[in-house]
C-alpha cells in the first residue's frame, strides 16, 4: 500500500511539474521542439512538429515521462539492495523510455500519414 501511494504521488507531482513549469510557459514550450525527446521523435519517426500539434505531443510526452519515472521508482522500491536497485532502475528506465517513445512515435507517424 505504501508503494502504491508513492507511485501515485510521484506520478502526480511529476506530471504537475511538467505542466506547470514547461507546458504553461510559452518561452519554455517554444524551446521544447529542440529538446532530446522531440529530436528523437523527429529523427527516428519523421514527425513534423508545428504550433498546432506541439501542445498535444508535449502533453503525451509529459504523461509518458511521468509514467516512466513513477513506475521506475515503484519497481526500485521493491528491492533492498542498493546495487540491485541501481541495476534494475537503469534497465527499467531504458526499457520504458524505448517502448513508450516508440508508441508515441508510431501514433504520430500514423496520424500524420492519415492526413
PDB file of N, CA and C in Angstrom:
ATOM      1  N   UNK A   1       0.828  -1.192   0.000  1.00  0.00           N
ATOM      2  CA  UNK A   1       0.000   0.000   0.000  1.00  0.00           C
ATOM      3  C   UNK A   1       0.875   1.260   0.000  1.00  0.00           C
ATOM      4  N   UNK A   2       1.955   1.203   0.770  1.00  0.00           N
ATOM      5  CA  UNK A   2       2.865   2.346   0.844  1.00  0.00           C
ATOM      6  C   UNK A   2       3.502   2.612  -0.527  1.00  0.00           C
ATOM      7  N   UNK A   3       3.861   1.546  -1.232  1.00  0.00           N
ATOM      8  CA  UNK A   3       4.477   1.703  -2.550  1.00  0.00           C
ATOM      9  C   UNK A   3       3.488   2.267  -3.565  1.00  0.00           C
ATOM     10  N   UNK A   4       2.221   1.857  -3.453  1.00  0.00           N
ATOM     11  CA  UNK A   4       1.198   2.361  -4.363  1.00  0.00           C
ATOM     12  C   UNK A   4       0.984   3.862  -4.157  1.00  0.00           C
ATOM     13  N   UNK A   5       0.951   4.293  -2.909  1.00  0.00           N
ATOM     14  CA  UNK A   5       0.823   5.723  -2.624  1.00  0.00           C
ATOM     15  C   UNK A   5       2.038   6.489  -3.135  1.00  0.00           C
ATOM     16  N   UNK A   6       3.224   5.915  -2.982  1.00  0.00           N
ATOM     17  CA  UNK A   6       4.434   6.528  -3.517  1.00  0.00           C
ATOM     18  C   UNK A   6       4.347   6.636  -5.036  1.00  0.00           C
ATOM     19  N   UNK A   7       3.837   5.596  -5.681  1.00  0.00           N
ATOM     20  CA  UNK A   7       3.667   5.596  -7.134  1.00  0.00           C
ATOM     21  C   UNK A   7       2.740   6.734  -7.572  1.00  0.00           C
ATOM     22  N   UNK A   8       1.569   6.810  -6.955  1.00  0.00           N
ATOM     23  CA  UNK A   8       0.602   7.846  -7.320  1.00  0.00           C
ATOM     24  C   UNK A   8       1.137   9.242  -7.018  1.00  0.00           C
ATOM     25  N   UNK A   9       1.769   9.407  -5.874  1.00  0.00           N
ATOM     26  CA  UNK A   9       2.342  10.703  -5.504  1.00  0.00           C
ATOM     27  C   UNK A   9       3.413  11.124  -6.499  1.00  0.00           C
ATOM     28  N   UNK A  10       4.305  10.204  -6.853  1.00  0.00           N
ATOM     29  CA  UNK A  10       5.371  10.510  -7.810  1.00  0.00           C
ATOM     30  C   UNK A  10       4.791  10.855  -9.179  1.00  0.00           C
ATOM     31  N   UNK A  11       3.799  10.108  -9.616  1.00  0.00           N
ATOM     32  CA  UNK A  11       3.181  10.367 -10.917  1.00  0.00           C
ATOM     33  C   UNK A  11       2.533  11.752 -10.944  1.00  0.00           C
ATOM     34  N   UNK A  12       1.741  12.057  -9.944  1.00  0.00           N
ATOM     35  CA  UNK A  12       1.017  13.331  -9.912  1.00  0.00           C
ATOM     36  C   UNK A  12       1.978  14.512  -9.809  1.00  0.00           C
ATOM     37  N   UNK A  13       2.952  14.416  -8.921  1.00  0.00           N
ATOM     38  CA  UNK A  13       3.902  15.514  -8.747  1.00  0.00           C
ATOM     39  C   UNK A  13       4.718  15.733 -10.025  1.00  0.00           C
ATOM     40  N   UNK A  14       5.174  14.657 -10.637  1.00  0.00           N
ATOM     41  CA  UNK A  14       5.967  14.783 -11.858  1.00  0.00           C
ATOM     42  C   UNK A  14       5.145  15.388 -12.991  1.00  0.00           C
ATOM     43  N   UNK A  15       3.921  14.911 -13.164  1.00  0.00           N
ATOM     44  CA  UNK A  15       3.075  15.438 -14.232  1.00  0.00           C
ATOM     45  C   UNK A  15       2.748  16.913 -13.999  1.00  0.00           C
ATOM     46  N   UNK A  16       2.401  17.265 -12.761  1.00  0.00           N
ATOM     47  CA  UNK A  16       2.115  18.664 -12.458  1.00  0.00           C
ATOM     48  C   UNK A  16       3.339  19.550 -12.666  1.00  0.00           C
ATOM     49  N   UNK A  17       4.509  19.046 -12.311  1.00  0.00           N
ATOM     50  CA  UNK A  17       5.742  19.788 -12.540  1.00  0.00           C
ATOM     51  C   UNK A  17       5.915  20.080 -14.027  1.00  0.00           C
ATOM     52  N   UNK A  18       5.739  19.060 -14.863  1.00  0.00           N
ATOM     53  CA  UNK A  18       5.860  19.259 -16.310  1.00  0.00           C
ATOM     54  C   UNK A  18       4.838  20.271 -16.822  1.00  0.00           C
ATOM     55  N   UNK A  19       3.591  20.128 -16.401  1.00  0.00           N
ATOM     56  CA  UNK A  19       2.541  21.008 -16.902  1.00  0.00           C
ATOM     57  C   UNK A  19       2.764  22.446 -16.450  1.00  0.00           C
ATOM     58  N   UNK A  20       3.111  22.632 -15.182  1.00  0.00           N
ATOM     59  CA  UNK A  20       3.261  23.985 -14.650  1.00  0.00           C
ATOM     60  C   UNK A  20       4.515  24.666 -15.182  1.00  0.00           C
ATOM     61  N   UNK A  21       5.644  23.969 -15.138  1.00  0.00           N
ATOM     62  CA  UNK A  21       6.905  24.626 -15.461  1.00  0.00           C
ATOM     63  C   UNK A  21       7.326  24.520 -16.929  1.00  0.00           C
ATOM     64  N   UNK A  22       6.727  23.634 -17.691  1.00  0.00           N
ATOM     65  CA  UNK A  22       7.075  23.525 -19.110  1.00  0.00           C
ATOM     66  C   UNK A  22       5.866  23.833 -19.982  1.00  0.00           C
ATOM     67  N   UNK A  23       4.756  23.182 -19.719  1.00  0.00           N
ATOM     68  CA  UNK A  23       3.588  23.316 -20.581  1.00  0.00           C
ATOM     69  C   UNK A  23       2.924  24.665 -20.548  1.00  0.00           C
ATOM     70  N   UNK A  24       2.945  25.334 -19.411  1.00  0.00           N
ATOM     71  CA  UNK A  24       2.251  26.623 -19.296  1.00  0.00           C
ATOM     72  C   UNK A  24       3.137  27.821 -19.579  1.00  0.00           C
ATOM     73  N   UNK A  25       4.412  27.625 -19.748  1.00  0.00           N
ATOM     74  CA  UNK A  25       5.316  28.730 -20.043  1.00  0.00           C
ATOM     75  C   UNK A  25       5.627  28.732 -21.539  1.00  0.00           C
ATOM     76  N   UNK A  26       5.201  29.773 -22.197  1.00  0.00           N
ATOM     77  CA  UNK A  26       5.381  29.834 -23.651  1.00  0.00           C
ATOM     78  C   UNK A  26       6.846  29.898 -24.051  1.00  0.00           C
ATOM     79  N   UNK A  27       7.667  30.567 -23.254  1.00  0.00           N
ATOM     80  CA  UNK A  27       9.092  30.664 -23.601  1.00  0.00           C
ATOM     81  C   UNK A  27       9.773  29.298 -23.501  1.00  0.00           C
ATOM     82  N   UNK A  28       9.376  28.504 -22.524  1.00  0.00           N
ATOM     83  CA  UNK A  28       9.959  27.163 -22.370  1.00  0.00           C
ATOM     84  C   UNK A  28       9.362  26.217 -23.408  1.00  0.00           C
ATOM     85  N   UNK A  29       8.076  26.351 -23.678  1.00  0.00           N
ATOM     86  CA  UNK A  29       7.416  25.476 -24.647  1.00  0.00           C
ATOM     87  C   UNK A  29       7.943  25.704 -26.056  1.00  0.00           C
ATOM     88  N   UNK A  30       8.384  26.927 -26.364  1.00  0.00           N
ATOM     89  CA  UNK A  30       8.969  27.201 -27.683  1.00  0.00           C
ATOM     90  C   UNK A  30      10.289  26.465 -27.867  1.00  0.00           C
ATOM     91  N   UNK A  31      11.021  26.253 -26.775  1.00  0.00           N
ATOM     92  CA  UNK A  31      12.291  25.535 -26.841  1.00  0.00           C
ATOM     93  C   UNK A  31      12.091  24.024 -26.820  1.00  0.00           C
ATOM     94  N   UNK A  32      10.897  23.576 -26.457  1.00  0.00           N
ATOM     95  CA  UNK A  32      10.616  22.146 -26.314  1.00  0.00           C
ATOM     96  C   UNK A  32      10.836  21.340 -27.598  1.00  0.00           C
ATOM     97  N   UNK A  33      10.491  21.868 -28.784  1.00  0.00           N
ATOM     98  CA  UNK A  33      10.737  21.088 -30.010  1.00  0.00           C
ATOM     99  C   UNK A  33      12.213  20.798 -30.274  1.00  0.00           C
ATOM    100  N   UNK A  34      13.120  21.525 -29.645  1.00  0.00           N
ATOM    101  CA  UNK A  34      14.544  21.273 -29.821  1.00  0.00           C
ATOM    102  C   UNK A  34      15.120  20.382 -28.734  1.00  0.00           C
ATOM    103  N   UNK A  35      14.267  19.889 -27.839  1.00  0.00           N
ATOM    104  CA  UNK A  35      14.718  19.029 -26.754  1.00  0.00           C
ATOM    105  C   UNK A  35      15.041  17.628 -27.238  1.00  0.00           C
ATOM    106  N   UNK A  36      15.601  16.839 -26.362  1.00  0.00           N
ATOM    107  CA  UNK A  36      16.019  15.475 -26.704  1.00  0.00           C
ATOM    108  C   UNK A  36      14.842  14.586 -27.108  1.00  0.00           C
ATOM    109  N   UNK A  37      13.727  14.717 -26.381  1.00  0.00           N
ATOM    110  CA  UNK A  37      12.579  13.859 -26.687  1.00  0.00           C
ATOM    111  C   UNK A  37      12.052  14.112 -28.091  1.00  0.00           C
ATOM    112  N   UNK A  38      11.859  15.393 -28.395  1.00  0.00           N
ATOM    113  CA  UNK A  38      11.312  15.746 -29.705  1.00  0.00           C
ATOM    114  C   UNK A  38      12.317  15.477 -30.819  1.00  0.00           C
ATOM    115  N   UNK A  39      13.591  15.701 -30.542  1.00  0.00           N
ATOM    116  CA  UNK A  39      14.621  15.408 -31.554  1.00  0.00           C
ATOM    117  C   UNK A  39      14.621  13.930 -31.901  1.00  0.00           C
ATOM    118  N   UNK A  40      14.460  13.087 -30.893  1.00  0.00           N
ATOM    119  CA  UNK A  40      14.399  11.645 -31.131  1.00  0.00           C
ATOM    120  C   UNK A  40      13.188  11.292 -31.982  1.00  0.00           C
ATOM    121  N   UNK A  41      12.039  11.856 -31.663  1.00  0.00           N
ATOM    122  CA  UNK A  41      10.830  11.559 -32.429  1.00  0.00           C
ATOM    123  C   UNK A  41      10.936  12.072 -33.867  1.00  0.00           C
ATOM    124  N   UNK A  42      11.546  13.242 -34.038  1.00  0.00           N
ATOM    125  CA  UNK A  42      11.725  13.791 -35.397  1.00  0.00           C
ATOM    126  C   UNK A  42      12.677  12.924 -36.206  1.00  0.00           C
ATOM    127  N   UNK A  43      13.798  12.545 -35.608  1.00  0.00           N
ATOM    128  CA  UNK A  43      14.821  11.783 -36.318  1.00  0.00           C
ATOM    129  C   UNK A  43      14.357  10.358 -36.591  1.00  0.00           C
ATOM    130  N   UNK A  44      13.834   9.695 -35.593  1.00  0.00           N
ATOM    131  CA  UNK A  44      13.507   8.269 -35.711  1.00  0.00           C
ATOM    132  C   UNK A  44      12.225   8.019 -36.504  1.00  0.00           C
ATOM    133  N   UNK A  45      11.213   8.880 -36.300  1.00  0.00           N
ATOM    134  CA  UNK A  45       9.902   8.621 -36.904  1.00  0.00           C
ATOM    135  C   UNK A  45       9.482   9.663 -37.926  1.00  0.00           C
ATOM    136  N   UNK A  46      10.292  10.674 -38.131  1.00  0.00           N
ATOM    137  CA  UNK A  46       9.986  11.697 -39.133  1.00  0.00           C
ATOM    138  C   UNK A  46       8.766  12.527 -38.795  1.00  0.00           C
ATOM    139  N   UNK A  47       8.521  12.748 -37.523  1.00  0.00           N
ATOM    140  CA  UNK A  47       7.355  13.516 -37.109  1.00  0.00           C
ATOM    141  C   UNK A  47       7.625  15.004 -37.320  1.00  0.00           C
ATOM    142  N   UNK A  48       6.674  15.656 -37.960  1.00  0.00           N
ATOM    143  CA  UNK A  48       6.776  17.091 -38.170  1.00  0.00           C
ATOM    144  C   UNK A  48       6.030  17.789 -37.040  1.00  0.00           C
ATOM    145  N   UNK A  49       6.715  18.728 -36.409  1.00  0.00           N
ATOM    146  CA  UNK A  49       6.137  19.417 -35.268  1.00  0.00           C
ATOM    147  C   UNK A  49       5.858  20.863 -35.652  1.00  0.00           C
ATOM    148  N   UNK A  50       4.611  21.265 -35.440  1.00  0.00           N
ATOM    149  CA  UNK A  50       4.241  22.654 -35.670  1.00  0.00           C
ATOM    150  C   UNK A  50       3.515  23.173 -34.429  1.00  0.00           C
ATOM    151  N   UNK A  51       3.151  24.437 -34.463  1.00  0.00           N
ATOM    152  CA  UNK A  51       2.481  25.036 -33.299  1.00  0.00           C
ATOM    153  C   UNK A  51       1.143  24.370 -33.006  1.00  0.00           C
ATOM    154  N   UNK A  52       0.528  23.818 -34.043  1.00  0.00           N
ATOM    155  CA  UNK A  52      -0.791  23.211 -33.885  1.00  0.00           C
ATOM    156  C   UNK A  52      -0.727  21.914 -33.070  1.00  0.00           C
ATOM    157  N   UNK A  53       0.274  21.085 -33.319  1.00  0.00           N
ATOM    158  CA  UNK A  53       0.333  19.802 -32.621  1.00  0.00           C
ATOM    159  C   UNK A  53       1.364  19.773 -31.491  1.00  0.00           C
ATOM    160  N   UNK A  54       2.051  20.879 -31.245  1.00  0.00           N
ATOM    161  CA  UNK A  54       3.075  20.917 -30.204  1.00  0.00           C
ATOM    162  C   UNK A  54       2.485  20.648 -28.830  1.00  0.00           C
ATOM    163  N   UNK A  55       1.366  21.249 -28.526  1.00  0.00           N
ATOM    164  CA  UNK A  55       0.740  21.080 -27.210  1.00  0.00           C
ATOM    165  C   UNK A  55       0.313  19.625 -26.994  1.00  0.00           C
ATOM    166  N   UNK A  56      -0.246  18.989 -28.017  1.00  0.00           N
ATOM    167  CA  UNK A  56      -0.695  17.602 -27.885  1.00  0.00           C
ATOM    168  C   UNK A  56       0.485  16.648 -27.727  1.00  0.00           C
ATOM    169  N   UNK A  57       1.515  16.841 -28.538  1.00  0.00           N
ATOM    170  CA  UNK A  57       2.697  15.976 -28.438  1.00  0.00           C
ATOM    171  C   UNK A  57       3.381  16.173 -27.100  1.00  0.00           C
ATOM    172  N   UNK A  58       3.526  17.419 -26.675  1.00  0.00           N
ATOM    173  CA  UNK A  58       4.201  17.667 -25.408  1.00  0.00           C
ATOM    174  C   UNK A  58       3.409  17.089 -24.243  1.00  0.00           C
ATOM    175  N   UNK A  59       2.086  17.147 -24.301  1.00  0.00           N
ATOM    176  CA  UNK A  59       1.273  16.568 -23.234  1.00  0.00           C
ATOM    177  C   UNK A  59       1.448  15.051 -23.163  1.00  0.00           C
ATOM    178  N   UNK A  60       1.521  14.397 -24.309  1.00  0.00           N
ATOM    179  CA  UNK A  60       1.754  12.946 -24.308  1.00  0.00           C
ATOM    180  C   UNK A  60       3.146  12.614 -23.777  1.00  0.00           C
ATOM    181  N   UNK A  61       4.116  13.444 -24.095  1.00  0.00           N
ATOM    182  CA  UNK A  61       5.465  13.235 -23.574  1.00  0.00           C
ATOM    183  C   UNK A  61       5.492  13.470 -22.069  1.00  0.00           C
ATOM    184  N   UNK A  62       4.757  14.464 -21.585  1.00  0.00           N
ATOM    185  CA  UNK A  62       4.685  14.697 -20.140  1.00  0.00           C
ATOM    186  C   UNK A  62       4.086  13.488 -19.430  1.00  0.00           C
ATOM    187  N   UNK A  63       3.013  12.944 -19.987  1.00  0.00           N
ATOM    188  CA  UNK A  63       2.389  11.756 -19.391  1.00  0.00           C
ATOM    189  C   UNK A  63       3.334  10.556 -19.431  1.00  0.00           C
ATOM    190  N   UNK A  64       4.002  10.366 -20.555  1.00  0.00           N
ATOM    191  CA  UNK A  64       4.928   9.237 -20.679  1.00  0.00           C
ATOM    192  C   UNK A  64       6.085   9.376 -19.701  1.00  0.00           C
ATOM    193  N   UNK A  65       6.671  10.556 -19.596  1.00  0.00           N
ATOM    194  CA  UNK A  65       7.779  10.757 -18.672  1.00  0.00           C
ATOM    195  C   UNK A  65       7.344  10.569 -17.224  1.00  0.00           C
ATOM    196  N   UNK A  66       6.157  11.028 -16.886  1.00  0.00           N
ATOM    197  CA  UNK A  66       5.643  10.835 -15.530  1.00  0.00           C
ATOM    198  C   UNK A  66       5.430   9.362 -15.236  1.00  0.00           C
ATOM    199  N   UNK A  67       4.877   8.642 -16.204  1.00  0.00           N
ATOM    200  CA  UNK A  67       4.683   7.202 -16.033  1.00  0.00           C
ATOM    201  C   UNK A  67       6.017   6.479 -15.894  1.00  0.00           C
ATOM    202  N   UNK A  68       6.984   6.836 -16.727  1.00  0.00           N
ATOM    203  CA  UNK A  68       8.299   6.201 -16.689  1.00  0.00           C
ATOM    204  C   UNK A  68       8.952   6.417 -15.333  1.00  0.00           C
ATOM    205  N   UNK A  69       8.958   7.637 -14.874  1.00  0.00           N
ATOM    206  CA  UNK A  69       9.609   7.952 -13.609  1.00  0.00           C
ATOM    207  C   UNK A  69       8.917   7.279 -12.434  1.00  0.00           C
ATOM    208  N   UNK A  70       7.599   7.385 -12.357  1.00  0.00           N
ATOM    209  CA  UNK A  70       6.884   6.815 -11.212  1.00  0.00           C
ATOM    210  C   UNK A  70       6.939   5.290 -11.208  1.00  0.00           C
ATOM    211  N   UNK A  71       6.873   4.661 -12.358  1.00  0.00           N
ATOM    212  CA  UNK A  71       6.953   3.209 -12.422  1.00  0.00           C
ATOM    213  C   UNK A  71       8.348   2.721 -12.053  1.00  0.00           C
ATOM    214  N   UNK A  72       9.365   3.435 -12.494  1.00  0.00           N
ATOM    215  CA  UNK A  72      10.733   3.066 -12.139  1.00  0.00           C
ATOM    216  C   UNK A  72      10.958   3.205 -10.641  1.00  0.00           C
ATOM    217  N   UNK A  73      10.467   4.285 -10.052  1.00  0.00           N
ATOM    218  CA  UNK A  73      10.592   4.475  -8.597  1.00  0.00           C
ATOM    219  C   UNK A  73       9.861   3.352  -7.864  1.00  0.00           C
ATOM    220  N   UNK A  74       8.683   2.996  -8.323  1.00  0.00           N
ATOM    221  CA  UNK A  74       7.907   1.921  -7.691  1.00  0.00           C
ATOM    222  C   UNK A  74       8.665   0.598  -7.752  1.00  0.00           C
ATOM    223  N   UNK A  75       9.190   0.251  -8.905  1.00  0.00           N
ATOM    224  CA  UNK A  75       9.900  -1.020  -9.064  1.00  0.00           C
ATOM    225  C   UNK A  75      11.175  -1.043  -8.240  1.00  0.00           C
ATOM    226  N   UNK A  76      11.900   0.057  -8.212  1.00  0.00           N
ATOM    227  CA  UNK A  76      13.150   0.122  -7.447  1.00  0.00           C
ATOM    228  C   UNK A  76      12.885  -0.016  -5.950  1.00  0.00           C
ATOM    229  N   UNK A  77      11.760   0.519  -5.480  1.00  0.00           N
ATOM    230  CA  UNK A  77      11.436   0.438  -4.052  1.00  0.00           C
ATOM    231  C   UNK A  77      11.107  -0.980  -3.588  1.00  0.00           C
ATOM    232  N   UNK A  78      10.904  -1.882  -4.512  1.00  0.00           N
ATOM    233  CA  UNK A  78      10.603  -3.265  -4.146  1.00  0.00           C
ATOM    234  C   UNK A  78      11.849  -4.035  -3.707  1.00  0.00           C
ATOM    235  N   UNK A  79      13.038  -3.493  -3.953  1.00  0.00           N
ATOM    236  CA  UNK A  79      14.288  -4.168  -3.632  1.00  0.00           C
ATOM    237  C   UNK A  79      14.991  -3.466  -2.480  1.00  0.00           C
ATOM    238  N   UNK A  80      15.817  -4.223  -1.750  1.00  0.00           N
ATOM    239  CA  UNK A  80      16.526  -3.674  -0.595  1.00  0.00           C
ATOM    240  C   UNK A  80      18.011  -3.450  -0.845  1.00  0.00           C
ATOM    241  N   UNK A  81      18.560  -4.094  -1.835  1.00  0.00           N
ATOM    242  CA  UNK A  81      19.984  -3.996  -2.126  1.00  0.00           C
ATOM    243  C   UNK A  81      20.230  -2.792  -3.045  1.00  0.00           C
ATOM    244  N   UNK A  82      21.131  -1.883  -2.645  1.00  0.00           N
ATOM    245  CA  UNK A  82      21.380  -0.666  -3.405  1.00  0.00           C
ATOM    246  C   UNK A  82      21.893  -0.953  -4.810  1.00  0.00           C
ATOM    247  N   UNK A  83      22.826  -1.868  -4.930  1.00  0.00           N
ATOM    248  CA  UNK A  83      23.369  -2.205  -6.245  1.00  0.00           C
ATOM    249  C   UNK A  83      22.292  -2.797  -7.147  1.00  0.00           C
ATOM    250  N   UNK A  84      21.471  -3.659  -6.587  1.00  0.00           N
ATOM    251  CA  UNK A  84      20.368  -4.249  -7.350  1.00  0.00           C
ATOM    252  C   UNK A  84      19.358  -3.171  -7.748  1.00  0.00           C
ATOM    253  N   UNK A  85      19.092  -2.214  -6.852  1.00  0.00           N
ATOM    254  CA  UNK A  85      18.182  -1.119  -7.168  1.00  0.00           C
ATOM    255  C   UNK A  85      18.696  -0.292  -8.351  1.00  0.00           C
ATOM    256  N   UNK A  86      19.980  -0.015  -8.358  1.00  0.00           N
ATOM    257  CA  UNK A  86      20.570   0.773  -9.446  1.00  0.00           C
ATOM    258  C   UNK A  86      20.484   0.022 -10.765  1.00  0.00           C
ATOM    259  N   UNK A  87      20.843  -1.239 -10.753  1.00  0.00           N
ATOM    260  CA  UNK A  87      20.816  -2.043 -11.981  1.00  0.00           C
ATOM    261  C   UNK A  87      19.391  -2.172 -12.506  1.00  0.00           C
ATOM    262  N   UNK A  88      18.458  -2.534 -11.632  1.00  0.00           N
ATOM    263  CA  UNK A  88      17.057  -2.680 -12.037  1.00  0.00           C
ATOM    264  C   UNK A  88      16.501  -1.334 -12.499  1.00  0.00           C
ATOM    265  N   UNK A  89      16.870  -0.252 -11.824  1.00  0.00           N
ATOM    266  CA  UNK A  89      16.392   1.078 -12.202  1.00  0.00           C
ATOM    267  C   UNK A  89      16.838   1.481 -13.591  1.00  0.00           C
ATOM    268  N   UNK A  90      18.104   1.255 -13.896  1.00  0.00           N
ATOM    269  CA  UNK A  90      18.623   1.620 -15.220  1.00  0.00           C
ATOM    270  C   UNK A  90      17.974   0.772 -16.307  1.00  0.00           C
ATOM    271  N   UNK A  91      17.841  -0.519 -16.054  1.00  0.00           N
ATOM    272  CA  UNK A  91      17.221  -1.406 -17.045  1.00  0.00           C
ATOM    273  C   UNK A  91      15.753  -1.027 -17.258  1.00  0.00           C
ATOM    274  N   UNK A  92      15.027  -0.817 -16.166  1.00  0.00           N
ATOM    275  CA  UNK A  92      13.615  -0.448 -16.261  1.00  0.00           C
ATOM    276  C   UNK A  92      13.434   0.886 -16.978  1.00  0.00           C
ATOM    277  N   UNK A  93      14.244   1.845 -16.612  1.00  0.00           N
ATOM    278  CA  UNK A  93      14.177   3.168 -17.232  1.00  0.00           C
ATOM    279  C   UNK A  93      14.423   3.088 -18.733  1.00  0.00           C
ATOM    280  N   UNK A  94      15.432   2.346 -19.129  1.00  0.00           N
ATOM    281  CA  UNK A  94      15.766   2.210 -20.544  1.00  0.00           C
ATOM    282  C   UNK A  94      14.639   1.534 -21.319  1.00  0.00           C
ATOM    283  N   UNK A  95      14.121   0.461 -20.771  1.00  0.00           N
ATOM    284  CA  UNK A  95      13.051  -0.273 -21.458  1.00  0.00           C
ATOM    285  C   UNK A  95      11.808   0.598 -21.608  1.00  0.00           C
ATOM    286  N   UNK A  96      11.408   1.264 -20.532  1.00  0.00           N
ATOM    287  CA  UNK A  96      10.212   2.101 -20.607  1.00  0.00           C
ATOM    288  C   UNK A  96      10.382   3.271 -21.565  1.00  0.00           C
ATOM    289  N   UNK A  97      11.547   3.901 -21.559  1.00  0.00           N
ATOM    290  CA  UNK A  97      11.784   5.012 -22.491  1.00  0.00           C
ATOM    291  C   UNK A  97      11.671   4.528 -23.932  1.00  0.00           C
ATOM    292  N   UNK A  98      12.322   3.419 -24.241  1.00  0.00           N
ATOM    293  CA  UNK A  98      12.274   2.905 -25.613  1.00  0.00           C
ATOM    294  C   UNK A  98      10.872   2.511 -26.029  1.00  0.00           C
ATOM    295  N   UNK A  99      10.141   1.836 -25.163  1.00  0.00           N
ATOM    296  CA  UNK A  99       8.802   1.360 -25.514  1.00  0.00           C
ATOM    297  C   UNK A  99       7.816   2.518 -25.642  1.00  0.00           C
ATOM    298  N   UNK A 100       7.790   3.402 -24.664  1.00  0.00           N
ATOM    299  CA  UNK A 100       6.799   4.474 -24.702  1.00  0.00           C
ATOM    300  C   UNK A 100       7.070   5.493 -25.808  1.00  0.00           C
ATOM    301  N   UNK A 101       8.320   5.823 -26.025  1.00  0.00           N
ATOM    302  CA  UNK A 101       8.616   6.749 -27.119  1.00  0.00           C
ATOM    303  C   UNK A 101       8.366   6.087 -28.469  1.00  0.00           C
ATOM    304  N   UNK A 102       8.548   4.798 -28.546  1.00  0.00           N
ATOM    305  CA  UNK A 102       8.208   4.074 -29.778  1.00  0.00           C
ATOM    306  C   UNK A 102       6.701   4.156 -30.030  1.00  0.00           C
ATOM    307  N   UNK A 103       5.912   3.953 -28.982  1.00  0.00           N
ATOM    308  CA  UNK A 103       4.457   4.025 -29.130  1.00  0.00           C
ATOM    309  C   UNK A 103       4.005   5.439 -29.523  1.00  0.00           C
ATOM    310  N   UNK A 104       4.590   6.450 -28.906  1.00  0.00           N
ATOM    311  CA  UNK A 104       4.256   7.825 -29.267  1.00  0.00           C
ATOM    312  C   UNK A 104       4.659   8.110 -30.712  1.00  0.00           C
ATOM    313  N   UNK A 105       5.835   7.664 -31.096  1.00  0.00           N
ATOM    314  CA  UNK A 105       6.305   7.872 -32.462  1.00  0.00           C
ATOM    315  C   UNK A 105       5.426   7.192 -33.486  1.00  0.00           C
ATOM    316  N   UNK A 106       5.056   5.951 -33.243  1.00  0.00           N
ATOM    317  CA  UNK A 106       4.172   5.214 -34.157  1.00  0.00           C
ATOM    318  C   UNK A 106       2.813   5.907 -34.251  1.00  0.00           C
ATOM    319  N   UNK A 107       2.290   6.350 -33.115  1.00  0.00           N
ATOM    320  CA  UNK A 107       0.985   7.018 -33.098  1.00  0.00           C
ATOM    321  C   UNK A 107       0.997   8.267 -33.980  1.00  0.00           C
ATOM    322  N   UNK A 108       1.989   9.117 -33.785  1.00  0.00           N
ATOM    323  CA  UNK A 108       2.031  10.357 -34.563  1.00  0.00           C
ATOM    324  C   UNK A 108       2.453  10.132 -36.007  1.00  0.00           C
ATOM    325  N   UNK A 109       3.243   9.115 -36.263  1.00  0.00           N
ATOM    326  CA  UNK A 109       3.601   8.785 -37.639  1.00  0.00           C
ATOM    327  C   UNK A 109       2.346   8.349 -38.404  1.00  0.00           C
ATOM    328  N   UNK A 110       1.554   7.486 -37.795  1.00  0.00           N
ATOM    329  CA  UNK A 110       0.319   7.041 -38.441  1.00  0.00           C
ATOM    330  C   UNK A 110      -0.699   8.172 -38.549  1.00  0.00           C
ATOM    331  N   UNK A 111      -0.731   9.038 -37.556  1.00  0.00           N
ATOM    332  CA  UNK A 111      -1.660  10.163 -37.587  1.00  0.00           C
ATOM    333  C   UNK A 111      -1.298  11.128 -38.709  1.00  0.00           C
ATOM    334  N   UNK A 112       0.003  11.360 -38.931  1.00  0.00           N
ATOM    335  CA  UNK A 112       0.416  12.262 -39.992  1.00  0.00           C
ATOM    336  C   UNK A 112       0.269  11.622 -41.374  1.00  0.00           C
ATOM    337  N   UNK A 113       0.377  10.306 -41.455  1.00  0.00           N
ATOM    338  CA  UNK A 113       0.145   9.622 -42.741  1.00  0.00           C
ATOM    339  C   UNK A 113      -1.304   9.735 -43.168  1.00  0.00           C
ATOM    340  N   UNK A 114      -2.201   9.701 -42.187  1.00  0.00           N
ATOM    341  CA  UNK A 114      -3.636   9.735 -42.481  1.00  0.00           C
ATOM    342  C   UNK A 114      -4.124  11.051 -42.997  1.00  0.00           C
ATOM    343  N   UNK A 115      -3.354  12.098 -42.848  1.00  0.00           N
ATOM    344  CA  UNK A 115      -3.799  13.427 -43.292  1.00  0.00           C
ATOM    345  C   UNK A 115      -3.714  13.580 -44.761  1.00  0.00           C
TER     346      UNK A 115
END
